Amino acid sequence: MHWSGNYGFGMGFGWFFMILFWAIFIFIVVALVKKIGSAGEQETAENILKKRYARGEISKDEFEQLKKDISE
């Protein structure tokens, strides 16, 4: 075999494809971790009610009444 230094297309852009591969791989891993992490959280009526009260969307009286209504 004779290596003359002419590496051609594959060797010249190999670093680019390696970076692209790792970027796609990391993106997929992060997306899967986020999906698995959010699967454990269930949005219940009481949790939504608590968030609305915390944001100030409803008053304490409304919160208590709605909490009573959903627990029945």
PDB file of N, CA and C in Angstrom:
ATOM      1  N   MET A   1       0.839  -1.184   0.000  1.00  0.00           N
ATOM      2  CA  MET A   1       0.000   0.000   0.000  1.00  0.00           C
ATOM      3  C   MET A   1       0.878   1.239   0.000  1.00  0.00           C
ATOM      4  N   HIS A   2       0.369   2.213  -0.684  1.00  0.00           N
ATOM      5  CA  HIS A   2       1.115   3.455  -0.769  1.00  0.00           C
ATOM      6  C   HIS A   2       0.260   4.577  -0.193  1.00  0.00           C
ATOM      7  N   TRP A   3       0.784   5.248   0.823  1.00  0.00           N
ATOM      8  CA  TRP A   3       0.074   6.378   1.445  1.00  0.00           C
ATOM      9  C   TRP A   3       0.751   7.663   0.992  1.00  0.00           C
ATOM     10  N   SER A   4       0.104   8.379   0.139  1.00  0.00           N
ATOM     11  CA  SER A   4       0.726   9.575  -0.419  1.00  0.00           C
ATOM     12  C   SER A   4       0.302  10.858   0.294  1.00  0.00           C
ATOM     13  N   GLY A   5      -0.569  10.742   1.288  1.00  0.00           N
ATOM     14  CA  GLY A   5      -1.016  11.953   1.968  1.00  0.00           C
ATOM     15  C   GLY A   5      -2.347  12.456   1.441  1.00  0.00           C
ATOM     16  N   ASN A   6      -2.833  11.902   0.360  1.00  0.00           N
ATOM     17  CA  ASN A   6      -4.123  12.292  -0.196  1.00  0.00           C
ATOM     18  C   ASN A   6      -5.185  11.416   0.464  1.00  0.00           C
ATOM     19  N   TYR A   7      -5.863  11.964   1.461  1.00  0.00           N
ATOM     20  CA  TYR A   7      -6.796  11.171   2.258  1.00  0.00           C
ATOM     21  C   TYR A   7      -8.191  11.111   1.659  1.00  0.00           C
ATOM     22  N   GLY A   8      -8.508  11.967   0.759  1.00  0.00           N
ATOM     23  CA  GLY A   8      -9.819  11.930   0.115  1.00  0.00           C
ATOM     24  C   GLY A   8     -10.907  12.548   0.980  1.00  0.00           C
ATOM     25  N   PHE A   9     -12.128  12.397   0.552  1.00  0.00           N
ATOM     26  CA  PHE A   9     -13.276  13.027   1.199  1.00  0.00           C
ATOM     27  C   PHE A   9     -13.510  12.483   2.608  1.00  0.00           C
ATOM     28  N   GLY A  10     -13.469  11.191   2.771  1.00  0.00           N
ATOM     29  CA  GLY A  10     -13.787  10.570   4.054  1.00  0.00           C
ATOM     30  C   GLY A  10     -12.864  10.994   5.173  1.00  0.00           C
ATOM     31  N   MET A  11     -11.621  11.036   4.938  1.00  0.00           N
ATOM     32  CA  MET A  11     -10.672  11.382   5.985  1.00  0.00           C
ATOM     33  C   MET A  11     -10.659  12.883   6.260  1.00  0.00           C
ATOM     34  N   GLY A  12     -10.921  13.671   5.261  1.00  0.00           N
ATOM     35  CA  GLY A  12     -10.904  15.113   5.456  1.00  0.00           C
ATOM     36  C   GLY A  12     -12.064  15.619   6.293  1.00  0.00           C
ATOM     37  N   PHE A  13     -13.205  14.974   6.155  1.00  0.00           N
ATOM     38  CA  PHE A  13     -14.377  15.400   6.899  1.00  0.00           C
ATOM     39  C   PHE A  13     -14.747  14.428   8.014  1.00  0.00           C
ATOM     40  N   GLY A  14     -13.883  13.529   8.340  1.00  0.00           N
ATOM     41  CA  GLY A  14     -14.153  12.551   9.401  1.00  0.00           C
ATOM     42  C   GLY A  14     -14.439  13.204  10.732  1.00  0.00           C
ATOM     43  N   TRP A  15     -13.701  14.239  11.083  1.00  0.00           N
ATOM     44  CA  TRP A  15     -13.913  14.933  12.353  1.00  0.00           C
ATOM     45  C   TRP A  15     -15.296  15.556  12.402  1.00  0.00           C
ATOM     46  N   PHE A  16     -15.764  16.089  11.269  1.00  0.00           N
ATOM     47  CA  PHE A  16     -17.084  16.712  11.214  1.00  0.00           C
ATOM     48  C   PHE A  16     -18.179  15.687  11.488  1.00  0.00           C
ATOM     49  N   PHE A  17     -18.067  14.522  10.846  1.00  0.00           N
ATOM     50  CA  PHE A  17     -19.072  13.486  11.040  1.00  0.00           C
ATOM     51  C   PHE A  17     -19.023  12.903  12.452  1.00  0.00           C
ATOM     52  N   MET A  18     -17.845  12.854  13.043  1.00  0.00           N
ATOM     53  CA  MET A  18     -17.732  12.370  14.418  1.00  0.00           C
ATOM     54  C   MET A  18     -18.413  13.337  15.378  1.00  0.00           C
ATOM     55  N   ILE A  19     -18.207  14.630  15.199  1.00  0.00           N
ATOM     56  CA  ILE A  19     -18.876  15.634  16.041  1.00  0.00           C
ATOM     57  C   ILE A  19     -20.380  15.580  15.821  1.00  0.00           C
ATOM     58  N   LEU A  20     -20.812  15.451  14.594  1.00  0.00           N
ATOM     59  CA  LEU A  20     -22.237  15.346  14.282  1.00  0.00           C
ATOM     60  C   LEU A  20     -22.844  14.109  14.941  1.00  0.00           C
ATOM     61  N   PHE A  21     -22.155  12.990  14.867  1.00  0.00           N
ATOM     62  CA  PHE A  21     -22.626  11.758  15.498  1.00  0.00           C
ATOM     63  C   PHE A  21     -22.815  11.949  16.998  1.00  0.00           C
ATOM     64  N   TRP A  22     -21.808  12.512  17.679  1.00  0.00           N
ATOM     65  CA  TRP A  22     -21.893  12.685  19.128  1.00  0.00           C
ATOM     66  C   TRP A  22     -22.958  13.704  19.510  1.00  0.00           C
ATOM     67  N   ALA A  23     -23.139  14.739  18.714  1.00  0.00           N
ATOM     68  CA  ALA A  23     -24.178  15.731  18.998  1.00  0.00           C
ATOM     69  C   ALA A  23     -25.560  15.089  18.914  1.00  0.00           C
ATOM     70  N   ILE A  24     -25.788  14.281  17.891  1.00  0.00           N
ATOM     71  CA  ILE A  24     -27.075  13.598  17.746  1.00  0.00           C
ATOM     72  C   ILE A  24     -27.262  12.595  18.877  1.00  0.00           C
ATOM     73  N   PHE A  25     -26.227  11.861  19.216  1.00  0.00           N
ATOM     74  CA  PHE A  25     -26.297  10.878  20.300  1.00  0.00           C
ATOM     75  C   PHE A  25     -26.645  11.545  21.627  1.00  0.00           C
ATOM     76  N   ILE A  26     -25.979  12.641  21.951  1.00  0.00           N
ATOM     77  CA  ILE A  26     -26.243  13.358  23.206  1.00  0.00           C
ATOM     78  C   ILE A  26     -27.652  13.919  23.206  1.00  0.00           C
ATOM     79  N   PHE A  27     -28.106  14.454  22.085  1.00  0.00           N
ATOM     80  CA  PHE A  27     -29.468  14.980  21.981  1.00  0.00           C
ATOM     81  C   PHE A  27     -30.500  13.887  22.270  1.00  0.00           C
ATOM     82  N   ILE A  28     -30.304  12.711  21.705  1.00  0.00           N
ATOM     83  CA  ILE A  28     -31.244  11.603  21.915  1.00  0.00           C
ATOM     84  C   ILE A  28     -31.244  11.158  23.372  1.00  0.00           C
ATOM     85  N   VAL A  29     -30.073  11.055  23.970  1.00  0.00           N
ATOM     86  CA  VAL A  29     -29.989  10.640  25.376  1.00  0.00           C
ATOM     87  C   VAL A  29     -30.695  11.655  26.276  1.00  0.00           C
ATOM     88  N   VAL A  30     -30.459  12.939  26.065  1.00  0.00           N
ATOM     89  CA  VAL A  30     -31.104  13.977  26.874  1.00  0.00           C
ATOM     90  C   VAL A  30     -32.615  13.937  26.694  1.00  0.00           C
ATOM     91  N   ALA A  31     -33.092  13.764  25.473  1.00  0.00           N
ATOM     92  CA  ALA A  31     -34.530  13.689  25.213  1.00  0.00           C
ATOM     93  C   ALA A  31     -35.157  12.496  25.923  1.00  0.00           C
ATOM     94  N   LEU A  32     -34.481  11.354  25.896  1.00  0.00           N
ATOM     95  CA  LEU A  32     -35.005  10.168  26.578  1.00  0.00           C
ATOM     96  C   LEU A  32     -35.033  10.350  28.090  1.00  0.00           C
ATOM     97  N   VAL A  33     -34.000  10.948  28.650  1.00  0.00           N
ATOM     98  CA  VAL A  33     -33.963  11.181  30.096  1.00  0.00           C
ATOM     99  C   VAL A  33     -35.084  12.121  30.512  1.00  0.00           C
ATOM    100  N   LYS A  34     -35.323  13.166  29.738  1.00  0.00           N
ATOM    101  CA  LYS A  34     -36.420  14.090  30.056  1.00  0.00           C
ATOM    102  C   LYS A  34     -37.764  13.386  29.973  1.00  0.00           C
ATOM    103  N   LYS A  35     -37.931  12.548  28.968  1.00  0.00           N
ATOM    104  CA  LYS A  35     -39.208  11.843  28.798  1.00  0.00           C
ATOM    105  C   LYS A  35     -39.443  10.877  29.949  1.00  0.00           C
ATOM    106  N   ILE A  36     -38.421  10.149  30.347  1.00  0.00           N
ATOM    107  CA  ILE A  36     -38.551   9.192  31.447  1.00  0.00           C
ATOM    108  C   ILE A  36     -38.809   9.933  32.758  1.00  0.00           C
ATOM    109  N   GLY A  37     -38.131  11.053  32.963  1.00  0.00           N
ATOM    110  CA  GLY A  37     -38.307  11.826  34.193  1.00  0.00           C
ATOM    111  C   GLY A  37     -39.694  12.429  34.314  1.00  0.00           C
ATOM    112  N   SER A  38     -40.259  12.875  33.215  1.00  0.00           N
ATOM    113  CA  SER A  38     -41.577  13.500  33.276  1.00  0.00           C
ATOM    114  C   SER A  38     -42.692  12.470  33.300  1.00  0.00           C
ATOM    115  N   ALA A  39     -42.400  11.214  32.985  1.00  0.00           N
ATOM    116  CA  ALA A  39     -43.443  10.179  32.989  1.00  0.00           C
ATOM    117  C   ALA A  39     -43.909   9.873  34.402  1.00  0.00           C
ATOM    118  N   GLY A  40     -43.062  10.092  35.392  1.00  0.00           N
ATOM    119  CA  GLY A  40     -43.432   9.800  36.776  1.00  0.00           C
ATOM    120  C   GLY A  40     -44.352  10.827  37.399  1.00  0.00           C
ATOM    121  N   GLU A  41     -44.419  12.004  36.825  1.00  0.00           N
ATOM    122  CA  GLU A  41     -45.248  13.058  37.388  1.00  0.00           C
ATOM    123  C   GLU A  41     -46.649  12.991  36.802  1.00  0.00           C
ATOM    124  N   GLN A  42     -47.632  12.825  37.677  1.00  0.00           N
ATOM    125  CA  GLN A  42     -49.020  12.803  37.251  1.00  0.00           C
ATOM    126  C   GLN A  42     -49.674  14.121  37.638  1.00  0.00           C
ATOM    127  N   GLU A  43     -50.364  14.727  36.704  1.00  0.00           N
ATOM    128  CA  GLU A  43     -51.106  15.956  36.964  1.00  0.00           C
ATOM    129  C   GLU A  43     -52.470  15.591  37.528  1.00  0.00           C
ATOM    130  N   THR A  44     -52.592  15.660  38.831  1.00  0.00           N
ATOM    131  CA  THR A  44     -53.884  15.401  39.452  1.00  0.00           C
ATOM    132  C   THR A  44     -54.631  16.724  39.584  1.00  0.00           C
ATOM    133  N   ALA A  45     -55.931  16.622  39.816  1.00  0.00           N
ATOM    134  CA  ALA A  45     -56.746  17.825  39.975  1.00  0.00           C
ATOM    135  C   ALA A  45     -56.255  18.658  41.157  1.00  0.00           C
ATOM    136  N   GLU A  46     -55.862  17.980  42.230  1.00  0.00           N
ATOM    137  CA  GLU A  46     -55.387  18.706  43.412  1.00  0.00           C
ATOM    138  C   GLU A  46     -54.063  19.412  43.139  1.00  0.00           C
ATOM    139  N   ASN A  47     -53.164  18.780  42.383  1.00  0.00           N
ATOM    140  CA  ASN A  47     -51.887  19.422  42.043  1.00  0.00           C
ATOM    141  C   ASN A  47     -52.117  20.660  41.181  1.00  0.00           C
ATOM    142  N   ILE A  48     -53.019  20.553  40.216  1.00  0.00           N
ATOM    143  CA  ILE A  48     -53.342  21.705  39.364  1.00  0.00           C
ATOM    144  C   ILE A  48     -53.931  22.824  40.205  1.00  0.00           C
ATOM    145  N   LEU A  49     -54.808  22.459  41.123  1.00  0.00           N
ATOM    146  CA  LEU A  49     -55.437  23.444  42.014  1.00  0.00           C
ATOM    147  C   LEU A  49     -54.392  24.152  42.873  1.00  0.00           C
ATOM    148  N   LYS A  50     -53.449  23.389  43.408  1.00  0.00           N
ATOM    149  CA  LYS A  50     -52.380  23.974  44.228  1.00  0.00           C
ATOM    150  C   LYS A  50     -51.521  24.937  43.414  1.00  0.00           C
ATOM    151  N   LYS A  51     -51.225  24.578  42.175  1.00  0.00           N
ATOM    152  CA  LYS A  51     -50.426  25.461  41.312  1.00  0.00           C
ATOM    153  C   LYS A  51     -51.177  26.754  41.012  1.00  0.00           C
ATOM    154  N   ARG A  52     -52.473  26.636  40.746  1.00  0.00           N
ATOM    155  CA  ARG A  52     -53.269  27.835  40.463  1.00  0.00           C
ATOM    156  C   ARG A  52     -53.311  28.754  41.681  1.00  0.00           C
ATOM    157  N   TYR A  53     -53.441  28.175  42.866  1.00  0.00           N
ATOM    158  CA  TYR A  53     -53.454  28.975  44.100  1.00  0.00           C
ATOM    159  C   TYR A  53     -52.096  29.634  44.321  1.00  0.00           C
ATOM    160  N   ALA A  54     -51.035  28.887  44.068  1.00  0.00           N
ATOM    161  CA  ALA A  54     -49.682  29.428  44.248  1.00  0.00           C
ATOM    162  C   ALA A  54     -49.398  30.575  43.284  1.00  0.00           C
ATOM    163  N   ARG A  55     -49.945  30.512  42.073  1.00  0.00           N
ATOM    164  CA  ARG A  55     -49.746  31.590  41.095  1.00  0.00           C
ATOM    165  C   ARG A  55     -50.659  32.780  41.354  1.00  0.00           C
ATOM    166  N   GLY A  56     -51.613  32.630  42.266  1.00  0.00           N
ATOM    167  CA  GLY A  56     -52.516  33.732  42.579  1.00  0.00           C
ATOM    168  C   GLY A  56     -53.715  33.816  41.648  1.00  0.00           C
ATOM    169  N   GLU A  57     -53.978  32.764  40.916  1.00  0.00           N
ATOM    170  CA  GLU A  57     -55.110  32.767  39.990  1.00  0.00           C
ATOM    171  C   GLU A  57     -56.444  32.642  40.721  1.00  0.00           C
ATOM    172  N   ILE A  58     -56.418  32.013  41.897  1.00  0.00           N
ATOM    173  CA  ILE A  58     -57.642  31.852  42.683  1.00  0.00           C
ATOM    174  C   ILE A  58     -57.367  32.283  44.116  1.00  0.00           C
ATOM    175  N   SER A  59     -58.421  32.681  44.806  1.00  0.00           N
ATOM    176  CA  SER A  59     -58.280  33.120  46.197  1.00  0.00           C
ATOM    177  C   SER A  59     -58.284  31.918  47.127  1.00  0.00           C
ATOM    178  N   LYS A  60     -58.014  32.183  48.416  1.00  0.00           N
ATOM    179  CA  LYS A  60     -58.000  31.106  49.402  1.00  0.00           C
ATOM    180  C   LYS A  60     -59.383  30.478  49.519  1.00  0.00           C
ATOM    181  N   ASP A  61     -60.426  31.299  49.515  1.00  0.00           N
ATOM    182  CA  ASP A  61     -61.791  30.773  49.608  1.00  0.00           C
ATOM    183  C   ASP A  61     -62.121  29.876  48.412  1.00  0.00           C
ATOM    184  N   GLU A  62     -61.739  30.337  47.223  1.00  0.00           N
ATOM    185  CA  GLU A  62     -61.982  29.529  46.025  1.00  0.00           C
ATOM    186  C   GLU A  62     -61.197  28.222  46.092  1.00  0.00           C
ATOM    187  N   PHE A  63     -59.950  28.327  46.569  1.00  0.00           N
ATOM    188  CA  PHE A  63     -59.119  27.140  46.701  1.00  0.00           C
ATOM    189  C   PHE A  63     -59.759  26.120  47.625  1.00  0.00           C
ATOM    190  N   GLU A  64     -60.197  26.588  48.799  1.00  0.00           N
ATOM    191  CA  GLU A  64     -60.813  25.679  49.767  1.00  0.00           C
ATOM    192  C   GLU A  64     -62.085  25.052  49.212  1.00  0.00           C
ATOM    193  N   GLN A  65     -62.907  25.862  48.524  1.00  0.00           N
ATOM    194  CA  GLN A  65     -64.153  25.327  47.971  1.00  0.00           C
ATOM    195  C   GLN A  65     -63.878  24.305  46.869  1.00  0.00           C
ATOM    196  N   LEU A  66     -62.974  24.631  45.970  1.00  0.00           N
ATOM    197  CA  LEU A  66     -62.653  23.708  44.880  1.00  0.00           C
ATOM    198  C   LEU A  66     -62.003  22.429  45.409  1.00  0.00           C
ATOM    199  N   LYS A  67     -61.154  22.562  46.426  1.00  0.00           N
ATOM    200  CA  LYS A  67     -60.519  21.394  47.028  1.00  0.00           C
ATOM    201  C   LYS A  67     -61.585  20.492  47.644  1.00  0.00           C
ATOM    202  N   LYS A  68     -62.545  21.103  48.298  1.00  0.00           N
ATOM    203  CA  LYS A  68     -63.649  20.341  48.890  1.00  0.00           C
ATOM    204  C   LYS A  68     -64.469  19.660  47.795  1.00  0.00           C
ATOM    205  N   ASP A  69     -64.703  20.365  46.706  1.00  0.00           N
ATOM    206  CA  ASP A  69     -65.507  19.815  45.600  1.00  0.00           C
ATOM    207  C   ASP A  69     -64.828  18.602  44.938  1.00  0.00           C
ATOM    208  N   ILE A  70     -63.523  18.673  44.751  1.00  0.00           N
ATOM    209  CA  ILE A  70     -62.854  17.565  44.065  1.00  0.00           C
ATOM    210  C   ILE A  70     -62.632  16.374  44.984  1.00  0.00           C
ATOM    211  N   SER A  71     -62.648  16.589  46.290  1.00  0.00           N
ATOM    212  CA  SER A  71     -62.425  15.472  47.208  1.00  0.00           C
ATOM    213  C   SER A  71     -63.705  14.685  47.472  1.00  0.00           C
ATOM    214  N   GLU A  72     -64.828  15.194  47.057  1.00  0.00           N
ATOM    215  CA  GLU A  72     -66.112  14.493  47.283  1.00  0.00           C
ATOM    216  C   GLU A  72     -66.342  13.400  46.304  1.00  0.00           C
TER     217      GLU A  72
END
